[in-house]
Amino acid sequence: MYKQLTGDKGFEEFEQANVDWLFGCNPWGTSMVYGLPSWGDTPVDPHSAFTHLKNYPINGGLVDGPVYTSIYENLIGITLKDADEYAEFQSDLAVYHDDYGDYSTNEPTMDGTASLIYLLAAKEDENGRNYRSHQTGLSFWLVK
């Protein structure tokens, strides 16, 4: 939105780095978006009753993502249900778990997902086209 309003392209590299981080260019090497990209490492065991109880996919849902390790270690009620597949990437600074038992890093968020939809729609608008992903079933139709 900043670029659109000001015409200043000085932050494009930073903007793209943030998008890349969401989709896997991060210390864990995983997307923070359930099911996207369809060919990549994405959350498969989110803190979601829909998915946990009924194996219902929540494609496009943005999970909370990493938290400071100091915060994570003081949270109540977190018990990982499976081995930590990202154990070698955890640090004293931050942790992320793709595990139903971790409500702090792996819970899909409505506000984050809504922001992600806006972001993806804006990226598609930059290219002057509507977007439909046949791989995921998500659709973003832009109203002009």
N, C-alpha and C. Protein backbone atom coordinates (compact mmCIF):
# COMPACT_ATOMS: atom_id res chain seq x y z
N MET A 1 0.84 -1.18 0.00
CA MET A 1 0.00 0.00 0.00
C MET A 1 0.88 1.25 0.00
N TYR A 2 1.97 1.21 0.80
CA TYR A 2 2.89 2.34 0.82
C TYR A 2 3.42 2.65 -0.57
N LYS A 3 3.86 1.61 -1.26
CA LYS A 3 4.42 1.79 -2.60
C LYS A 3 3.37 2.36 -3.56
N GLN A 4 2.15 1.86 -3.43
CA GLN A 4 1.07 2.31 -4.30
C GLN A 4 0.74 3.78 -4.04
N LEU A 5 0.74 4.18 -2.78
CA LEU A 5 0.39 5.57 -2.44
C LEU A 5 1.50 6.57 -2.75
N THR A 6 2.76 6.14 -2.57
CA THR A 6 3.87 7.08 -2.70
C THR A 6 4.65 6.95 -4.00
N GLY A 7 4.57 5.77 -4.63
CA GLY A 7 5.39 5.53 -5.81
C GLY A 7 6.83 5.18 -5.46
N ASP A 8 7.15 5.14 -4.17
CA ASP A 8 8.50 4.82 -3.69
C ASP A 8 8.71 3.32 -3.70
N LYS A 9 9.67 2.86 -4.49
CA LYS A 9 9.95 1.43 -4.59
C LYS A 9 11.16 1.03 -3.74
N GLY A 10 11.58 1.90 -2.85
CA GLY A 10 12.77 1.68 -2.05
C GLY A 10 12.68 0.53 -1.06
N PHE A 11 11.47 0.06 -0.78
CA PHE A 11 11.30 -1.02 0.19
C PHE A 11 10.89 -2.34 -0.45
N GLU A 12 10.95 -2.43 -1.77
CA GLU A 12 10.52 -3.64 -2.47
C GLU A 12 11.31 -4.88 -2.02
N GLU A 13 12.60 -4.75 -1.84
CA GLU A 13 13.42 -5.89 -1.43
C GLU A 13 13.01 -6.38 -0.04
N PHE A 14 12.76 -5.45 0.87
CA PHE A 14 12.31 -5.79 2.22
C PHE A 14 10.92 -6.44 2.17
N GLU A 15 10.05 -5.89 1.33
CA GLU A 15 8.71 -6.45 1.16
C GLU A 15 8.79 -7.90 0.68
N GLN A 16 9.61 -8.16 -0.33
CA GLN A 16 9.73 -9.51 -0.87
C GLN A 16 10.36 -10.45 0.15
N ALA A 17 11.31 -9.96 0.92
CA ALA A 17 11.94 -10.80 1.95
C ALA A 17 10.91 -11.24 2.99
N ASN A 18 9.97 -10.39 3.31
CA ASN A 18 8.92 -10.76 4.26
C ASN A 18 7.98 -11.82 3.68
N VAL A 19 7.64 -11.67 2.42
CA VAL A 19 6.80 -12.67 1.75
C VAL A 19 7.56 -14.01 1.70
N ASP A 20 8.82 -13.95 1.32
CA ASP A 20 9.63 -15.17 1.25
C ASP A 20 9.72 -15.84 2.62
N TRP A 21 9.86 -15.05 3.68
CA TRP A 21 9.94 -15.61 5.03
C TRP A 21 8.67 -16.39 5.36
N LEU A 22 7.52 -15.82 5.03
CA LEU A 22 6.26 -16.51 5.30
C LEU A 22 6.16 -17.85 4.57
N PHE A 23 6.76 -17.93 3.39
CA PHE A 23 6.64 -19.14 2.58
C PHE A 23 7.88 -20.04 2.63
N GLY A 24 8.73 -19.88 3.64
CA GLY A 24 9.77 -20.87 3.88
C GLY A 24 11.21 -20.40 3.94
N CYS A 25 11.51 -19.18 3.59
CA CYS A 25 12.88 -18.68 3.72
C CYS A 25 13.06 -18.14 5.13
N ASN A 26 13.10 -19.06 6.08
CA ASN A 26 13.22 -18.73 7.50
C ASN A 26 14.07 -19.81 8.16
N PRO A 27 14.46 -19.65 9.41
CA PRO A 27 15.36 -20.63 10.04
C PRO A 27 14.84 -22.06 10.07
N TRP A 28 13.53 -22.25 9.98
CA TRP A 28 12.95 -23.60 10.03
C TRP A 28 12.75 -24.19 8.63
N GLY A 29 12.89 -23.37 7.61
CA GLY A 29 12.73 -23.85 6.24
C GLY A 29 11.33 -24.30 5.91
N THR A 30 10.35 -23.75 6.60
CA THR A 30 8.96 -24.16 6.38
C THR A 30 8.07 -22.95 6.16
N SER A 31 7.07 -23.15 5.36
CA SER A 31 6.06 -22.12 5.18
C SER A 31 5.26 -22.01 6.47
N MET A 32 4.76 -20.84 6.75
CA MET A 32 3.89 -20.63 7.90
C MET A 32 2.42 -20.63 7.47
N VAL A 33 2.17 -21.06 6.23
CA VAL A 33 0.82 -21.08 5.66
C VAL A 33 0.44 -22.53 5.38
N TYR A 34 -0.63 -22.97 6.01
CA TYR A 34 -1.06 -24.36 5.84
C TYR A 34 -1.38 -24.63 4.38
N GLY A 35 -0.69 -25.62 3.81
CA GLY A 35 -0.97 -26.06 2.44
C GLY A 35 -0.38 -25.22 1.34
N LEU A 36 0.31 -24.16 1.65
CA LEU A 36 0.91 -23.30 0.61
C LEU A 36 2.40 -23.11 0.88
N PRO A 37 3.23 -23.38 -0.08
CA PRO A 37 2.90 -23.90 -1.41
C PRO A 37 2.55 -25.38 -1.33
N SER A 38 1.76 -25.84 -2.27
CA SER A 38 1.27 -27.22 -2.23
C SER A 38 2.41 -28.23 -2.32
N TRP A 39 3.54 -27.84 -2.88
CA TRP A 39 4.67 -28.74 -3.06
C TRP A 39 5.71 -28.58 -1.95
N GLY A 40 5.48 -27.69 -0.99
CA GLY A 40 6.51 -27.39 0.00
C GLY A 40 6.26 -27.96 1.38
N ASP A 41 7.17 -27.64 2.28
CA ASP A 41 7.04 -28.00 3.69
C ASP A 41 6.14 -26.95 4.32
N THR A 42 4.95 -27.37 4.71
CA THR A 42 3.98 -26.46 5.32
C THR A 42 3.45 -27.10 6.60
N PRO A 43 2.80 -26.35 7.46
CA PRO A 43 2.22 -26.95 8.67
C PRO A 43 1.26 -28.08 8.30
N VAL A 44 1.40 -29.22 8.99
CA VAL A 44 0.51 -30.35 8.76
C VAL A 44 -0.23 -30.76 10.04
N ASP A 45 0.21 -30.26 11.18
CA ASP A 45 -0.39 -30.62 12.46
C ASP A 45 -0.70 -29.36 13.27
N PRO A 46 -1.51 -28.46 12.72
CA PRO A 46 -1.77 -27.19 13.41
C PRO A 46 -2.63 -27.38 14.66
N HIS A 47 -2.60 -26.40 15.52
CA HIS A 47 -3.45 -26.39 16.71
C HIS A 47 -4.85 -25.97 16.27
N SER A 48 -5.53 -26.92 15.62
CA SER A 48 -6.86 -26.69 15.06
C SER A 48 -7.70 -27.94 15.25
N ALA A 49 -8.83 -27.81 15.91
CA ALA A 49 -9.70 -28.96 16.13
C ALA A 49 -10.19 -29.54 14.80
N PHE A 50 -10.47 -28.68 13.82
CA PHE A 50 -10.92 -29.16 12.52
C PHE A 50 -9.94 -30.17 11.93
N THR A 51 -8.68 -29.82 11.97
CA THR A 51 -7.65 -30.67 11.38
C THR A 51 -7.33 -31.85 12.29
N HIS A 52 -7.21 -31.59 13.57
CA HIS A 52 -6.81 -32.63 14.52
C HIS A 52 -7.85 -33.74 14.65
N LEU A 53 -9.10 -33.38 14.75
CA LEU A 53 -10.15 -34.38 14.98
C LEU A 53 -10.70 -35.00 13.70
N LYS A 54 -10.81 -34.22 12.65
CA LYS A 54 -11.47 -34.70 11.43
C LYS A 54 -10.57 -34.68 10.19
N ASN A 55 -9.29 -34.34 10.39
CA ASN A 55 -8.35 -34.25 9.27
C ASN A 55 -8.84 -33.30 8.18
N TYR A 56 -9.53 -32.26 8.59
CA TYR A 56 -10.08 -31.27 7.67
C TYR A 56 -8.99 -30.27 7.30
N PRO A 57 -8.68 -30.11 6.02
CA PRO A 57 -7.62 -29.18 5.63
C PRO A 57 -8.05 -27.73 5.83
N ILE A 58 -7.11 -26.92 6.21
CA ILE A 58 -7.37 -25.49 6.38
C ILE A 58 -6.42 -24.71 5.47
N ASN A 59 -6.37 -25.10 4.21
CA ASN A 59 -5.45 -24.49 3.25
C ASN A 59 -5.54 -22.97 3.28
N GLY A 60 -4.38 -22.36 3.32
CA GLY A 60 -4.30 -20.91 3.33
C GLY A 60 -4.30 -20.30 4.71
N GLY A 61 -4.49 -21.11 5.75
CA GLY A 61 -4.48 -20.59 7.12
C GLY A 61 -3.06 -20.26 7.57
N LEU A 62 -2.84 -19.04 8.00
CA LEU A 62 -1.54 -18.59 8.48
C LEU A 62 -1.43 -18.91 9.96
N VAL A 63 -0.40 -19.68 10.34
CA VAL A 63 -0.20 -20.00 11.75
C VAL A 63 0.53 -18.84 12.44
N ASP A 64 0.46 -18.84 13.77
CA ASP A 64 1.11 -17.77 14.54
C ASP A 64 2.58 -17.60 14.19
N GLY A 65 3.30 -18.70 14.06
CA GLY A 65 4.73 -18.62 13.77
C GLY A 65 5.56 -18.57 15.04
N PRO A 66 6.85 -18.39 14.88
CA PRO A 66 7.77 -18.49 16.01
C PRO A 66 7.49 -17.48 17.12
N VAL A 67 7.91 -17.88 18.32
CA VAL A 67 7.88 -16.98 19.48
C VAL A 67 9.26 -17.02 20.13
N TYR A 68 9.52 -16.00 20.92
CA TYR A 68 10.77 -16.01 21.69
C TYR A 68 10.81 -17.25 22.57
N THR A 69 11.95 -17.89 22.62
CA THR A 69 12.12 -19.08 23.44
C THR A 69 11.81 -18.78 24.90
N SER A 70 12.20 -17.61 25.37
CA SER A 70 11.94 -17.23 26.77
C SER A 70 10.45 -17.17 27.06
N ILE A 71 9.65 -16.75 26.11
CA ILE A 71 8.20 -16.73 26.29
C ILE A 71 7.65 -18.16 26.23
N TYR A 72 8.07 -18.91 25.22
CA TYR A 72 7.59 -20.28 25.03
C TYR A 72 7.82 -21.13 26.28
N GLU A 73 8.98 -21.01 26.87
CA GLU A 73 9.33 -21.84 28.03
C GLU A 73 8.50 -21.52 29.27
N ASN A 74 7.81 -20.39 29.28
CA ASN A 74 7.00 -20.01 30.43
C ASN A 74 5.50 -20.14 30.19
N LEU A 75 5.11 -20.69 29.05
CA LEU A 75 3.69 -20.87 28.76
C LEU A 75 3.16 -22.12 29.46
N ILE A 76 1.91 -22.06 29.85
CA ILE A 76 1.27 -23.16 30.56
C ILE A 76 0.46 -24.01 29.57
N GLY A 77 0.53 -25.32 29.73
CA GLY A 77 -0.34 -26.21 28.97
C GLY A 77 0.18 -26.66 27.63
N ILE A 78 1.42 -26.34 27.30
CA ILE A 78 1.97 -26.80 26.02
C ILE A 78 2.71 -28.11 26.25
N THR A 79 2.28 -29.11 25.51
CA THR A 79 2.95 -30.40 25.51
C THR A 79 3.00 -30.89 24.07
N LEU A 80 4.19 -31.00 23.52
CA LEU A 80 4.30 -31.49 22.16
C LEU A 80 3.82 -32.93 22.10
N LYS A 81 2.99 -33.23 21.10
CA LYS A 81 2.40 -34.57 20.96
C LYS A 81 3.32 -35.51 20.18
N ASP A 82 4.22 -34.97 19.37
CA ASP A 82 5.14 -35.77 18.56
C ASP A 82 6.55 -35.23 18.72
N ALA A 83 7.52 -35.96 18.19
CA ALA A 83 8.91 -35.50 18.21
C ALA A 83 9.01 -34.18 17.43
N ASP A 84 9.89 -33.31 17.87
CA ASP A 84 10.06 -32.00 17.23
C ASP A 84 10.90 -32.15 15.97
N GLU A 85 10.23 -32.11 14.80
CA GLU A 85 10.95 -32.27 13.54
C GLU A 85 11.86 -31.09 13.21
N TYR A 86 11.71 -30.01 13.95
CA TYR A 86 12.57 -28.85 13.73
C TYR A 86 13.57 -28.65 14.87
N ALA A 87 13.80 -29.67 15.66
CA ALA A 87 14.67 -29.56 16.85
C ALA A 87 16.03 -28.94 16.52
N GLU A 88 16.63 -29.35 15.40
CA GLU A 88 17.96 -28.84 15.06
C GLU A 88 17.96 -27.36 14.68
N PHE A 89 16.78 -26.81 14.43
CA PHE A 89 16.69 -25.40 14.04
C PHE A 89 16.22 -24.50 15.18
N GLN A 90 15.83 -25.07 16.30
CA GLN A 90 15.39 -24.26 17.44
C GLN A 90 16.61 -23.56 18.03
N SER A 91 16.37 -22.41 18.65
CA SER A 91 17.50 -21.65 19.20
C SER A 91 17.14 -21.06 20.55
N ASP A 92 18.12 -20.45 21.16
CA ASP A 92 17.87 -19.75 22.41
C ASP A 92 17.03 -18.49 22.18
N LEU A 93 16.94 -18.05 20.92
CA LEU A 93 16.18 -16.85 20.60
C LEU A 93 14.71 -17.16 20.31
N ALA A 94 14.44 -18.14 19.42
CA ALA A 94 13.07 -18.39 18.99
C ALA A 94 12.83 -19.87 18.69
N VAL A 95 11.56 -20.27 18.81
CA VAL A 95 11.15 -21.65 18.51
C VAL A 95 9.89 -21.64 17.66
N TYR A 96 9.73 -22.71 16.89
CA TYR A 96 8.51 -22.96 16.14
C TYR A 96 8.29 -24.47 16.13
N HIS A 97 7.06 -24.90 16.34
CA HIS A 97 6.74 -26.33 16.31
C HIS A 97 5.51 -26.56 15.43
N ASP A 98 5.61 -27.53 14.54
CA ASP A 98 4.44 -27.98 13.78
C ASP A 98 3.85 -29.14 14.56
N ASP A 99 3.12 -28.80 15.61
CA ASP A 99 2.60 -29.81 16.52
C ASP A 99 1.30 -29.30 17.13
N TYR A 100 0.29 -30.15 17.10
CA TYR A 100 -1.02 -29.80 17.64
C TYR A 100 -0.93 -29.31 19.09
N GLY A 101 0.02 -29.83 19.85
CA GLY A 101 0.14 -29.47 21.25
C GLY A 101 0.71 -28.09 21.51
N ASP A 102 1.18 -27.41 20.47
CA ASP A 102 1.77 -26.07 20.64
C ASP A 102 0.80 -25.01 20.14
N TYR A 103 0.04 -24.46 21.07
CA TYR A 103 -0.92 -23.41 20.70
C TYR A 103 -0.25 -22.07 20.47
N SER A 104 1.00 -21.93 20.89
CA SER A 104 1.63 -20.61 20.78
C SER A 104 2.24 -20.34 19.42
N THR A 105 2.74 -21.35 18.72
CA THR A 105 3.39 -21.11 17.43
C THR A 105 2.64 -21.71 16.26
N ASN A 106 1.73 -22.63 16.51
CA ASN A 106 1.15 -23.38 15.40
C ASN A 106 -0.37 -23.29 15.33
N GLU A 107 -0.92 -22.23 15.89
CA GLU A 107 -2.37 -22.04 15.81
C GLU A 107 -2.70 -21.10 14.65
N PRO A 108 -3.59 -21.51 13.76
CA PRO A 108 -3.99 -20.61 12.67
C PRO A 108 -4.69 -19.38 13.25
N THR A 109 -4.42 -18.23 12.66
CA THR A 109 -5.00 -17.00 13.15
C THR A 109 -5.91 -16.38 12.11
N MET A 110 -7.07 -15.91 12.56
CA MET A 110 -8.01 -15.29 11.62
C MET A 110 -7.49 -13.95 11.13
N ASP A 111 -6.93 -13.13 12.02
CA ASP A 111 -6.45 -11.83 11.60
C ASP A 111 -5.22 -11.96 10.70
N GLY A 112 -4.32 -12.89 11.03
CA GLY A 112 -3.15 -13.11 10.19
C GLY A 112 -3.54 -13.64 8.83
N THR A 113 -4.50 -14.56 8.79
CA THR A 113 -4.96 -15.12 7.52
C THR A 113 -5.64 -14.05 6.67
N ALA A 114 -6.42 -13.19 7.31
CA ALA A 114 -7.06 -12.09 6.58
C ALA A 114 -6.00 -11.16 5.99
N SER A 115 -4.97 -10.86 6.76
CA SER A 115 -3.89 -10.01 6.26
C SER A 115 -3.14 -10.70 5.12
N LEU A 116 -2.97 -12.00 5.23
CA LEU A 116 -2.30 -12.75 4.17
C LEU A 116 -3.12 -12.69 2.87
N ILE A 117 -4.42 -12.82 2.97
CA ILE A 117 -5.28 -12.72 1.79
C ILE A 117 -5.12 -11.35 1.13
N TYR A 118 -5.10 -10.31 1.95
CA TYR A 118 -4.88 -8.96 1.41
C TYR A 118 -3.52 -8.88 0.73
N LEU A 119 -2.48 -9.42 1.37
CA LEU A 119 -1.14 -9.38 0.80
C LEU A 119 -1.09 -10.11 -0.54
N LEU A 120 -1.63 -11.31 -0.60
CA LEU A 120 -1.59 -12.08 -1.84
C LEU A 120 -2.42 -11.41 -2.94
N ALA A 121 -3.55 -10.85 -2.57
CA ALA A 121 -4.37 -10.13 -3.55
C ALA A 121 -3.62 -8.91 -4.08
N ALA A 122 -2.94 -8.20 -3.19
CA ALA A 122 -2.18 -7.02 -3.61
C ALA A 122 -1.03 -7.42 -4.53
N LYS A 123 -0.36 -8.54 -4.22
CA LYS A 123 0.73 -9.01 -5.08
C LYS A 123 0.19 -9.38 -6.47
N GLU A 124 -0.97 -10.00 -6.52
CA GLU A 124 -1.56 -10.34 -7.81
C GLU A 124 -1.98 -9.09 -8.56
N ASP A 125 -2.48 -8.10 -7.83
CA ASP A 125 -2.90 -6.86 -8.47
C ASP A 125 -1.71 -6.15 -9.11
N GLU A 126 -0.52 -6.30 -8.51
CA GLU A 126 0.68 -5.72 -9.10
C GLU A 126 0.94 -6.28 -10.49
N ASN A 127 0.55 -7.53 -10.69
CA ASN A 127 0.74 -8.18 -11.98
C ASN A 127 -0.43 -7.97 -12.92
N GLY A 128 -1.47 -7.27 -12.44
CA GLY A 128 -2.60 -6.94 -13.28
C GLY A 128 -3.47 -8.13 -13.66
N ARG A 129 -3.58 -9.12 -12.76
CA ARG A 129 -4.41 -10.27 -13.07
C ARG A 129 -5.07 -10.80 -11.81
N ASN A 130 -6.12 -11.56 -12.02
CA ASN A 130 -6.77 -12.26 -10.93
C ASN A 130 -6.04 -13.57 -10.70
N TYR A 131 -6.21 -14.14 -9.54
CA TYR A 131 -5.46 -15.35 -9.18
C TYR A 131 -6.40 -16.46 -8.78
N ARG A 132 -6.18 -17.63 -9.31
CA ARG A 132 -6.89 -18.82 -8.85
C ARG A 132 -5.87 -19.94 -8.79
N SER A 133 -5.72 -20.52 -7.63
CA SER A 133 -4.80 -21.64 -7.48
C SER A 133 -5.55 -22.94 -7.67
N HIS A 134 -5.26 -23.63 -8.72
CA HIS A 134 -5.90 -24.92 -8.98
C HIS A 134 -5.35 -25.99 -8.04
N GLN A 135 -4.16 -25.75 -7.48
CA GLN A 135 -3.55 -26.73 -6.59
C GLN A 135 -4.16 -26.69 -5.21
N THR A 136 -4.62 -25.55 -4.77
CA THR A 136 -5.10 -25.43 -3.39
C THR A 136 -6.59 -25.18 -3.29
N GLY A 137 -7.20 -24.72 -4.37
CA GLY A 137 -8.63 -24.41 -4.31
C GLY A 137 -8.91 -23.02 -3.77
N LEU A 138 -7.87 -22.27 -3.39
CA LEU A 138 -8.09 -20.91 -2.91
C LEU A 138 -8.30 -19.99 -4.09
N SER A 139 -9.18 -19.04 -3.93
CA SER A 139 -9.41 -18.05 -4.99
C SER A 139 -9.35 -16.66 -4.42
N PHE A 140 -8.72 -15.79 -5.13
CA PHE A 140 -8.69 -14.38 -4.75
C PHE A 140 -9.13 -13.58 -5.97
N TRP A 141 -10.32 -13.01 -5.91
CA TRP A 141 -10.83 -12.22 -7.01
C TRP A 141 -10.79 -10.77 -6.59
N LEU A 142 -10.12 -9.98 -7.39
CA LEU A 142 -9.95 -8.58 -7.05
C LEU A 142 -11.09 -7.75 -7.61
N VAL A 143 -11.60 -6.87 -6.79
CA VAL A 143 -12.64 -5.95 -7.21
C VAL A 143 -11.98 -4.60 -7.47
N LYS A 144 -12.18 -4.08 -8.65
CA LYS A 144 -11.54 -2.78 -8.99
C LYS A 144 -12.60 -1.73 -9.15
